[in-house]
Amino acid sequence: MSDRTAPTSSHPARAAIAAFVGTTIEWFDFYVYATAASLVFGTLFFPPGTDPMIGLMASFATFSVGFFARPLGGIVFGHFGDRLGRKSALVITLLMMGVATFCVGLLPTYEQAGFIAPLLLVLLRFVQGIAVGGEWGGAVLMAVEHAPENRKTFYGAFAQLGNPAGALLATGSFGLIAAWDADLLYTWGWRLPFLASVLLVLVGLLIRLKVEESPVFEAVQENDGRPAELPLREAVRTSWRPLLLGIGILPVAVGGYYIVTTFLQAYGVEVGVSEQVILNGLSLAAFVELVATLGVSWLGDRFGTVRVVTIGLVGVIVLALPQFLVMETGSTLLIFVMLCVMRLAMAAVYGPIARVLAQMYPPRARYTSISIAYQVAGAVFGGLSPIVCTALFAVTGSILPVAGLLMAMAVVSIACLAKAPRHQDDDLVTAA
């Protein structure tokens, strides 16, 4: 084995902030769609007179399309990210997401265009999925690979901050519109967050273009002479077991998140909680997660990343049923408290897990590997969770099976997390 040069970076904070801004914009675009899907798309993009529960499931089906496109985005941009560099792949994904989201805001409704409307909606959701499929892995790697070994969990969490920040902006924007005029939300007001996303994309591009390439990628280039010719083949050949473990670690981080946000939003309305209360509660919960993520990730560097994530998963198990039961009380205070406590547990799961996944795979095909694991998990657990939960509730009339599903997902995550391998970036261990 040839001598390895330890990757170093003089700007880990700059890379972390760029990752945060980029993922915030990507997730804002993604969650704007999720929020609209749970509130208005079932009415606007499907035939009039459709049963509300069927319309909601159809709306969630278009939501799922983005998740099933994400593995493809991870493979495509993982290939370019491993061969040409993380930075160029991330610029393209940001542009793709921005254009697709802006175009959703221009779409005609079913009343205006018939079946063409939902078809166009599905197409643009597919493009969104491709973009976010390529974005997440690259953003996490830019943050983690620029960071020193003893701060990787903390800096990696900046990429994870984009998720609650994007959710906060998305639910907050819809909440402001609903507070201004609830009826406006169902006419043209829902379009405003989609159209406004173009301004965020321009800001994100300016920041992302100034960031240096990942030092780990550059060290692989220097020491190995060339990147993997086919990163997908190398990832499957050398890391098939870690790929399966990575997928198994993520049910709660990706699927559980949509159960406690997207499905919970629809469930709350179903049991009589006003949209305004739920949107405000989710916005407050997203802010709590945003504030807590860096703190729990700092604890991960200090006391052990796996230990912190495991504690968060146990918290999700304990809170799985109470978070739904408080919706039936109608108490705004209880709803707000439970949403915030659950998102605190989710922060302990989601924030530190960036470092866990980034270092499960050798650097030569790492962008592809981390993207496959995360995006396959996203397609299976994130894409199907809202539909499966809606179907379980519709068939049984009880929220117990939904809570049980979330608990089972957490158990699987804990079991796989305990067996996760780890590669030291300073060693630059690559496949032979």
Protein backbone atom coordinates (compact mmCIF):
# COMPACT_ATOMS: atom_id res chain seq x y z
CA MET A 1 0.00 0.00 0.00
CA SER A 2 1.30 3.44 -0.91
CA ASP A 3 1.88 6.16 1.65
CA ARG A 4 -1.21 8.18 2.40
CA THR A 5 -1.37 11.92 2.83
CA ALA A 6 -3.62 13.06 5.64
CA PRO A 7 -6.33 15.31 4.24
CA THR A 8 -6.41 18.77 5.77
CA SER A 9 -8.51 21.89 5.27
CA SER A 10 -7.96 25.45 6.40
CA HIS A 11 -11.66 26.30 6.00
CA PRO A 12 -13.82 23.66 7.73
CA ALA A 13 -16.24 26.32 9.00
CA ARG A 14 -16.69 27.79 5.51
CA ALA A 15 -17.42 24.34 4.09
CA ALA A 16 -19.86 23.62 6.92
CA ILE A 17 -21.75 26.88 6.40
CA ALA A 18 -21.94 26.30 2.64
CA ALA A 19 -23.32 22.82 3.32
CA PHE A 20 -25.90 24.30 5.68
CA VAL A 21 -27.07 26.97 3.23
CA GLY A 22 -27.23 24.55 0.30
CA THR A 23 -29.13 21.83 2.14
CA THR A 24 -31.48 24.42 3.68
CA ILE A 25 -32.51 25.52 0.20
CA GLU A 26 -32.83 21.96 -1.08
CA TRP A 27 -34.91 20.85 1.89
CA PHE A 28 -37.01 24.01 1.84
CA ASP A 29 -37.97 23.17 -1.73
CA PHE A 30 -38.64 19.57 -0.78
CA TYR A 31 -40.73 20.44 2.31
CA VAL A 32 -42.70 23.14 0.57
CA TYR A 33 -43.99 20.34 -1.63
CA ALA A 34 -44.57 18.06 1.40
CA THR A 35 -46.55 20.75 3.21
CA ALA A 36 -48.63 21.56 0.14
CA ALA A 37 -49.22 17.83 -0.45
CA SER A 38 -50.66 17.37 3.04
CA LEU A 39 -52.80 20.54 2.94
CA VAL A 40 -53.94 21.53 -0.56
CA PHE A 41 -52.73 19.28 -3.41
CA GLY A 42 -55.38 16.61 -2.76
CA THR A 43 -58.04 19.24 -3.48
CA LEU A 44 -56.32 21.18 -6.27
CA PHE A 45 -54.74 18.48 -8.45
CA PHE A 46 -57.32 15.70 -8.41
CA PRO A 47 -60.92 15.43 -9.70
CA PRO A 48 -63.58 17.41 -7.79
CA GLY A 49 -65.70 15.26 -5.51
CA THR A 50 -62.87 12.85 -4.70
CA ASP A 51 -63.19 11.40 -1.19
CA PRO A 52 -60.90 13.51 1.05
CA MET A 53 -58.98 10.46 2.35
CA ILE A 54 -58.48 9.15 -1.21
CA GLY A 55 -57.40 12.61 -2.33
CA LEU A 56 -54.91 12.76 0.54
CA MET A 57 -53.47 9.35 -0.36
CA ALA A 58 -53.22 10.38 -4.02
CA SER A 59 -51.45 13.56 -2.95
CA PHE A 60 -49.02 11.55 -0.82
CA ALA A 61 -48.46 9.27 -3.82
CA THR A 62 -47.13 12.23 -5.84
CA PHE A 63 -45.05 13.11 -2.77
CA SER A 64 -43.57 9.59 -2.84
CA VAL A 65 -42.43 9.94 -6.45
CA GLY A 66 -39.66 12.25 -5.29
CA PHE A 67 -38.36 9.59 -2.93
CA PHE A 68 -38.28 6.88 -5.57
CA ALA A 69 -36.27 9.23 -7.82
CA ARG A 70 -33.74 9.89 -5.09
CA PRO A 71 -31.67 6.67 -5.48
CA LEU A 72 -31.25 7.46 -9.17
CA GLY A 73 -30.06 10.96 -8.26
CA GLY A 74 -27.67 9.47 -5.73
CA ILE A 75 -26.17 7.10 -8.32
CA VAL A 76 -25.87 9.74 -11.06
CA PHE A 77 -24.42 12.53 -8.93
CA GLY A 78 -22.48 10.08 -6.77
CA HIS A 79 -20.70 8.95 -9.94
CA PHE A 80 -19.73 12.51 -10.89
CA GLY A 81 -18.96 13.45 -7.28
CA ASP A 82 -16.55 10.52 -6.89
CA ARG A 83 -14.90 11.05 -10.29
CA LEU A 84 -14.94 14.83 -10.82
CA GLY A 85 -15.36 16.23 -7.33
CA ARG A 86 -18.04 17.00 -4.76
CA LYS A 87 -18.34 20.71 -5.58
CA SER A 88 -19.43 20.52 -9.24
CA ALA A 89 -22.09 17.91 -8.47
CA LEU A 90 -23.55 20.10 -5.72
CA VAL A 91 -23.85 23.16 -7.96
CA ILE A 92 -25.88 21.19 -10.52
CA THR A 93 -28.22 19.66 -7.92
CA LEU A 94 -29.00 23.08 -6.48
CA LEU A 95 -29.91 24.45 -9.91
CA MET A 96 -32.10 21.44 -10.73
CA MET A 97 -34.04 21.70 -7.49
CA GLY A 98 -34.56 25.44 -7.85
CA VAL A 99 -35.92 25.23 -11.39
CA ALA A 100 -38.27 22.33 -10.58
CA THR A 101 -39.67 24.01 -7.46
CA PHE A 102 -40.23 27.31 -9.23
CA CYS A 103 -42.11 25.51 -12.01
CA VAL A 104 -44.44 23.80 -9.50
CA GLY A 105 -45.55 27.28 -8.50
CA LEU A 106 -46.60 27.94 -12.10
CA LEU A 107 -48.61 24.73 -12.64
CA PRO A 108 -52.30 24.79 -13.62
CA THR A 109 -54.71 22.98 -11.27
CA TYR A 110 -56.96 20.05 -12.21
CA GLU A 111 -59.85 22.45 -12.76
CA GLN A 112 -57.74 24.38 -15.29
CA ALA A 113 -55.96 21.56 -17.14
CA GLY A 114 -57.54 18.23 -16.19
CA PHE A 115 -55.25 15.21 -15.91
CA ILE A 116 -52.32 17.15 -17.37
CA ALA A 117 -52.04 18.99 -14.04
CA PRO A 118 -51.22 15.96 -11.83
CA LEU A 119 -48.96 14.53 -14.57
CA LEU A 120 -46.89 17.71 -14.63
CA LEU A 121 -46.85 17.71 -10.84
CA VAL A 122 -45.45 14.16 -10.79
CA LEU A 123 -42.82 15.03 -13.41
CA LEU A 124 -41.53 18.02 -11.44
CA ARG A 125 -41.58 16.00 -8.22
CA PHE A 126 -39.40 13.43 -10.00
CA VAL A 127 -36.87 16.15 -10.90
CA GLN A 128 -36.91 17.33 -7.27
CA GLY A 129 -36.14 13.79 -6.19
CA ILE A 130 -33.20 13.47 -8.58
CA ALA A 131 -31.77 16.74 -7.27
CA VAL A 132 -32.08 16.02 -3.55
CA GLY A 133 -30.83 12.48 -4.19
CA GLY A 134 -27.54 13.91 -5.39
CA GLU A 135 -27.41 16.80 -2.93
CA TRP A 136 -27.43 15.23 0.50
CA GLY A 137 -24.43 12.91 0.20
CA GLY A 138 -22.23 15.58 -1.37
CA ALA A 139 -23.16 18.23 1.20
CA VAL A 140 -22.48 15.87 4.11
CA LEU A 141 -19.12 14.84 2.64
CA MET A 142 -18.04 18.43 2.04
CA ALA A 143 -18.75 19.23 5.70
CA VAL A 144 -17.29 16.04 7.20
CA GLU A 145 -14.26 15.72 4.90
CA HIS A 146 -13.14 19.32 5.53
CA ALA A 147 -13.32 18.81 9.32
CA PRO A 148 -10.59 17.58 11.68
CA GLU A 149 -11.12 14.06 13.03
CA ASN A 150 -12.19 15.18 16.51
CA ARG A 151 -14.83 17.63 15.16
CA LYS A 152 -16.39 15.66 12.32
CA THR A 153 -19.70 15.00 14.07
CA PHE A 154 -20.11 18.69 14.91
CA TYR A 155 -19.22 20.02 11.45
CA GLY A 156 -21.14 17.24 9.70
CA ALA A 157 -24.25 18.37 11.56
CA PHE A 158 -24.23 21.67 9.66
CA ALA A 159 -25.39 19.76 6.57
CA GLN A 160 -28.11 18.20 8.74
CA LEU A 161 -29.22 21.63 9.95
CA GLY A 162 -30.58 22.24 6.47
CA ASN A 163 -33.38 19.79 7.15
CA PRO A 164 -35.02 21.56 10.13
CA ALA A 165 -34.13 24.97 8.68
CA GLY A 166 -35.81 24.08 5.39
CA ALA A 167 -38.80 22.63 7.25
CA LEU A 168 -39.04 25.77 9.40
CA LEU A 169 -39.05 28.01 6.33
CA ALA A 170 -41.56 25.81 4.53
CA THR A 171 -44.12 25.39 7.32
CA GLY A 172 -43.51 28.97 8.43
CA SER A 173 -44.26 30.35 4.97
CA PHE A 174 -47.49 28.37 4.71
CA GLY A 175 -48.37 29.35 8.27
CA LEU A 176 -48.01 33.05 7.43
CA ILE A 177 -50.22 32.66 4.37
CA ALA A 178 -52.87 30.78 6.38
CA ALA A 179 -52.76 33.44 9.11
CA TRP A 180 -53.13 36.20 6.54
CA ASP A 181 -56.07 34.59 4.74
CA ALA A 182 -56.93 30.89 5.13
CA ASP A 183 -58.96 30.86 1.91
CA LEU A 184 -56.03 32.36 0.02
CA LEU A 185 -54.06 29.18 0.71
CA TYR A 186 -56.44 27.20 -1.50
CA THR A 187 -56.58 29.71 -4.38
CA TRP A 188 -53.20 31.17 -5.36
CA GLY A 189 -51.45 31.67 -2.02
CA TRP A 190 -49.96 28.14 -2.05
CA ARG A 191 -47.88 29.16 -5.08
CA LEU A 192 -45.92 31.87 -3.26
CA PRO A 193 -43.41 29.65 -1.38
CA PHE A 194 -42.62 27.76 -4.59
CA LEU A 195 -42.01 30.94 -6.59
CA ALA A 196 -39.97 32.58 -3.82
CA SER A 197 -37.53 29.67 -3.80
CA VAL A 198 -35.71 31.11 -6.83
CA LEU A 199 -34.27 33.87 -4.64
CA LEU A 200 -32.86 31.34 -2.18
CA VAL A 201 -31.25 29.36 -4.99
CA LEU A 202 -29.35 32.42 -6.22
CA VAL A 203 -27.98 33.03 -2.72
CA GLY A 204 -27.02 29.37 -2.38
CA LEU A 205 -25.13 29.35 -5.67
CA LEU A 206 -23.08 32.40 -4.71
CA ILE A 207 -22.00 30.73 -1.47
CA ARG A 208 -21.43 27.25 -2.87
CA LEU A 209 -19.22 28.43 -5.74
CA LYS A 210 -16.73 29.95 -3.26
CA VAL A 211 -16.06 26.72 -1.35
CA GLU A 212 -12.89 24.70 -1.93
CA GLU A 213 -13.03 21.09 -3.12
CA SER A 214 -13.03 18.35 -0.48
CA PRO A 215 -9.47 17.65 0.77
CA VAL A 216 -10.28 13.93 0.98
CA PHE A 217 -11.23 13.85 -2.70
CA GLU A 218 -8.06 15.71 -3.60
CA ALA A 219 -5.95 13.34 -1.49
CA VAL A 220 -7.50 10.33 -3.24
CA GLN A 221 -6.63 11.94 -6.58
CA GLU A 222 -3.05 12.59 -5.48
CA ASN A 223 -2.31 9.29 -3.78
CA ASP A 224 -4.22 6.90 -6.01
CA GLY A 225 -3.71 8.75 -9.27
CA ARG A 226 -7.29 8.35 -10.40
CA PRO A 227 -10.78 7.93 -8.96
CA ALA A 228 -12.81 4.75 -9.31
CA GLU A 229 -13.83 4.20 -12.94
CA LEU A 230 -17.29 2.99 -11.96
CA PRO A 231 -18.01 4.12 -8.39
CA LEU A 232 -21.30 2.20 -8.30
CA ARG A 233 -19.58 -1.10 -9.13
CA GLU A 234 -16.83 -0.44 -6.61
CA ALA A 235 -19.31 0.52 -3.90
CA VAL A 236 -21.34 -2.67 -4.39
CA ARG A 237 -18.24 -4.87 -4.69
CA THR A 238 -16.33 -3.58 -1.68
CA SER A 239 -19.04 -2.20 0.62
CA TRP A 240 -22.20 -4.24 0.08
CA ARG A 241 -22.50 -5.13 3.77
CA PRO A 242 -22.03 -1.51 4.99
CA LEU A 243 -24.53 -0.42 2.33
CA LEU A 244 -27.16 -2.72 3.84
CA LEU A 245 -26.27 -1.59 7.35
CA GLY A 246 -26.47 2.06 6.27
CA ILE A 247 -29.98 1.50 4.88
CA GLY A 248 -30.94 -0.27 8.10
CA ILE A 249 -29.65 2.58 10.27
CA LEU A 250 -31.90 5.15 8.57
CA PRO A 251 -35.60 4.15 8.94
CA VAL A 252 -36.23 6.69 11.71
CA ALA A 253 -33.88 9.39 10.40
CA VAL A 254 -35.68 9.49 7.04
CA GLY A 255 -39.02 7.65 7.32
CA GLY A 256 -39.79 8.45 10.93
CA TYR A 257 -39.24 12.10 10.21
CA TYR A 258 -42.12 12.14 7.73
CA ILE A 259 -44.35 10.26 10.15
CA VAL A 260 -43.84 12.96 12.80
CA THR A 261 -44.25 15.81 10.30
CA THR A 262 -46.14 15.09 7.05
CA PHE A 263 -48.46 12.32 8.30
CA LEU A 264 -48.90 13.93 11.71
CA GLN A 265 -49.97 17.12 9.97
CA ALA A 266 -52.72 15.29 8.06
CA TYR A 267 -53.73 13.25 11.14
CA GLY A 268 -54.08 16.37 13.25
CA VAL A 269 -56.46 17.95 10.76
CA GLU A 270 -58.42 14.68 10.61
CA VAL A 271 -59.02 14.69 14.38
CA GLY A 272 -60.05 18.33 14.42
CA VAL A 273 -56.89 20.32 15.10
CA SER A 274 -56.75 23.49 13.01
CA GLU A 275 -54.18 23.79 10.23
CA GLN A 276 -52.87 26.97 11.82
CA VAL A 277 -52.13 25.25 15.15
CA ILE A 278 -50.34 22.36 13.44
CA LEU A 279 -48.30 24.62 11.17
CA ASN A 280 -47.30 26.80 14.11
CA GLY A 281 -46.45 23.74 16.21
CA LEU A 282 -44.34 22.18 13.47
CA SER A 283 -42.57 25.48 12.90
CA LEU A 284 -41.73 25.72 16.61
CA ALA A 285 -40.58 22.07 16.62
CA ALA A 286 -38.37 22.68 13.59
CA PHE A 287 -36.80 25.63 15.42
CA VAL A 288 -36.12 23.43 18.46
CA GLU A 289 -34.46 20.83 16.23
CA LEU A 290 -32.46 23.54 14.49
CA VAL A 291 -31.12 24.84 17.81
CA ALA A 292 -30.54 21.38 19.31
CA THR A 293 -28.79 19.71 16.36
CA LEU A 294 -25.38 21.31 16.85
CA GLY A 295 -25.54 20.70 20.60
CA VAL A 296 -26.26 16.98 20.36
CA SER A 297 -23.64 16.65 17.61
CA TRP A 298 -21.04 18.33 19.85
CA LEU A 299 -21.97 15.72 22.46
CA GLY A 300 -21.36 13.08 19.80
CA ASP A 301 -17.74 14.20 19.37
CA ARG A 302 -17.30 14.29 23.14
CA PHE A 303 -19.08 11.13 24.32
CA GLY A 304 -19.47 9.00 21.20
CA THR A 305 -21.58 9.52 18.10
CA VAL A 306 -23.19 6.07 18.16
CA ARG A 307 -24.13 6.50 21.81
CA VAL A 308 -25.91 9.82 21.18
CA VAL A 309 -27.82 8.48 18.18
CA THR A 310 -28.91 5.40 20.16
CA ILE A 311 -30.25 7.59 23.00
CA GLY A 312 -32.24 9.57 20.43
CA LEU A 313 -33.74 6.38 18.97
CA VAL A 314 -34.80 5.20 22.44
CA GLY A 315 -36.48 8.59 22.91
CA VAL A 316 -38.42 8.10 19.67
CA ILE A 317 -39.69 4.72 20.93
CA VAL A 318 -40.88 6.26 24.20
CA LEU A 319 -42.62 9.21 22.49
CA ALA A 320 -44.11 7.38 19.47
CA LEU A 321 -47.61 6.95 20.89
CA PRO A 322 -47.94 10.07 23.11
CA GLN A 323 -47.25 12.43 20.18
CA PHE A 324 -50.42 11.19 18.45
CA LEU A 325 -52.57 10.97 21.56
CA VAL A 326 -52.03 14.64 22.42
CA MET A 327 -53.57 15.59 19.07
CA GLU A 328 -56.87 14.15 20.28
CA THR A 329 -56.84 16.38 23.38
CA GLY A 330 -57.04 19.54 21.27
CA SER A 331 -54.73 21.29 23.74
CA THR A 332 -52.46 23.66 21.86
CA LEU A 333 -49.93 23.69 24.72
CA LEU A 334 -49.68 19.90 24.92
CA ILE A 335 -49.42 19.61 21.15
CA PHE A 336 -46.62 22.17 20.99
CA VAL A 337 -44.70 20.55 23.89
CA MET A 338 -44.94 17.03 22.46
CA LEU A 339 -43.96 18.11 18.94
CA CYS A 340 -40.89 19.88 20.35
CA VAL A 341 -39.83 16.99 22.59
CA MET A 342 -40.13 14.51 19.73
CA ARG A 343 -38.07 16.72 17.44
CA LEU A 344 -35.43 16.98 20.17
CA ALA A 345 -35.15 13.18 20.08
CA MET A 346 -35.08 13.29 16.28
CA ALA A 347 -32.25 15.84 16.42
CA ALA A 348 -30.17 13.36 18.42
CA VAL A 349 -30.84 10.78 15.69
CA TYR A 350 -30.48 12.93 12.59
CA GLY A 351 -27.70 15.40 13.38
CA PRO A 352 -24.84 13.07 14.40
CA ILE A 353 -25.74 10.39 11.86
CA ALA A 354 -24.02 12.35 9.07
CA ARG A 355 -20.62 11.47 10.52
CA VAL A 356 -21.65 7.83 11.10
CA LEU A 357 -22.62 7.35 7.45
CA ALA A 358 -19.79 9.40 5.94
CA GLN A 359 -17.14 7.25 7.58
CA MET A 360 -18.79 3.89 6.96
CA TYR A 361 -17.37 3.81 3.41
CA PRO A 362 -13.87 4.04 1.79
CA PRO A 363 -13.19 7.44 0.13
CA ARG A 364 -12.80 6.25 -3.49
CA ALA A 365 -16.52 5.53 -3.91
CA ARG A 366 -17.82 7.30 -0.82
CA TYR A 367 -20.15 9.82 -2.51
CA THR A 368 -21.87 6.97 -4.36
CA SER A 369 -21.98 4.71 -1.29
CA ILE A 370 -23.42 7.23 1.15
CA SER A 371 -25.92 8.43 -1.46
CA ILE A 372 -27.14 4.90 -2.24
CA ALA A 373 -27.62 4.05 1.44
CA TYR A 374 -29.39 7.29 2.28
CA GLN A 375 -31.54 7.54 -0.83
CA VAL A 376 -32.63 3.89 -0.94
CA ALA A 377 -33.66 4.28 2.69
CA GLY A 378 -35.41 7.51 1.70
CA ALA A 379 -37.32 5.78 -1.10
CA VAL A 380 -38.41 2.85 1.05
CA PHE A 381 -38.99 4.45 4.43
CA GLY A 382 -39.47 8.13 3.57
CA GLY A 383 -41.49 7.67 0.38
CA LEU A 384 -43.83 5.00 1.72
CA SER A 385 -44.26 6.08 5.35
CA PRO A 386 -46.99 8.72 4.83
CA ILE A 387 -48.99 6.42 2.52
CA VAL A 388 -48.59 3.36 4.74
CA CYS A 389 -49.52 5.32 7.86
CA THR A 390 -52.56 6.83 6.14
CA ALA A 391 -53.65 3.38 4.95
CA LEU A 392 -53.14 1.84 8.41
CA PHE A 393 -55.21 4.57 10.01
CA ALA A 394 -57.93 4.37 7.34
CA VAL A 395 -58.26 0.58 7.63
CA THR A 396 -58.04 0.22 11.42
CA GLY A 397 -59.43 3.55 12.56
CA SER A 398 -56.73 3.53 15.23
CA ILE A 399 -53.42 5.33 15.58
CA LEU A 400 -51.85 2.39 17.48
CA PRO A 401 -50.53 0.58 14.35
CA VAL A 402 -48.87 3.82 13.20
CA ALA A 403 -47.13 4.27 16.55
CA GLY A 404 -46.11 0.61 16.48
CA LEU A 405 -44.58 1.02 13.03
CA LEU A 406 -42.47 3.96 14.24
CA MET A 407 -41.28 1.95 17.24
CA ALA A 408 -40.29 -1.01 15.04
CA MET A 409 -38.33 1.30 12.75
CA ALA A 410 -36.37 2.58 15.74
CA VAL A 411 -35.53 -0.96 16.88
CA VAL A 412 -34.15 -1.82 13.43
CA SER A 413 -32.08 1.37 13.45
CA ILE A 414 -30.53 0.55 16.84
CA ALA A 415 -29.61 -2.99 15.77
CA CYS A 416 -27.88 -1.87 12.56
CA LEU A 417 -26.15 1.09 14.22
CA ALA A 418 -24.42 -1.27 16.65
CA LYS A 419 -22.67 -3.03 13.75
CA ALA A 420 -21.65 0.03 11.68
CA PRO A 421 -17.98 0.03 10.49
CA ARG A 422 -15.81 3.15 10.48
CA HIS A 423 -13.00 4.43 8.23
CA GLN A 424 -10.53 7.07 9.44
CA ASP A 425 -10.10 9.85 6.86
CA ASP A 426 -6.58 10.53 8.09
CA ASP A 427 -5.60 7.04 6.96
CA LEU A 428 -7.31 7.39 3.58
CA VAL A 429 -7.98 3.68 3.47
CA THR A 430 -9.11 2.78 -0.03
CA ALA A 431 -10.20 -0.37 -1.70
CA ALA A 432 -7.40 -2.39 -3.25
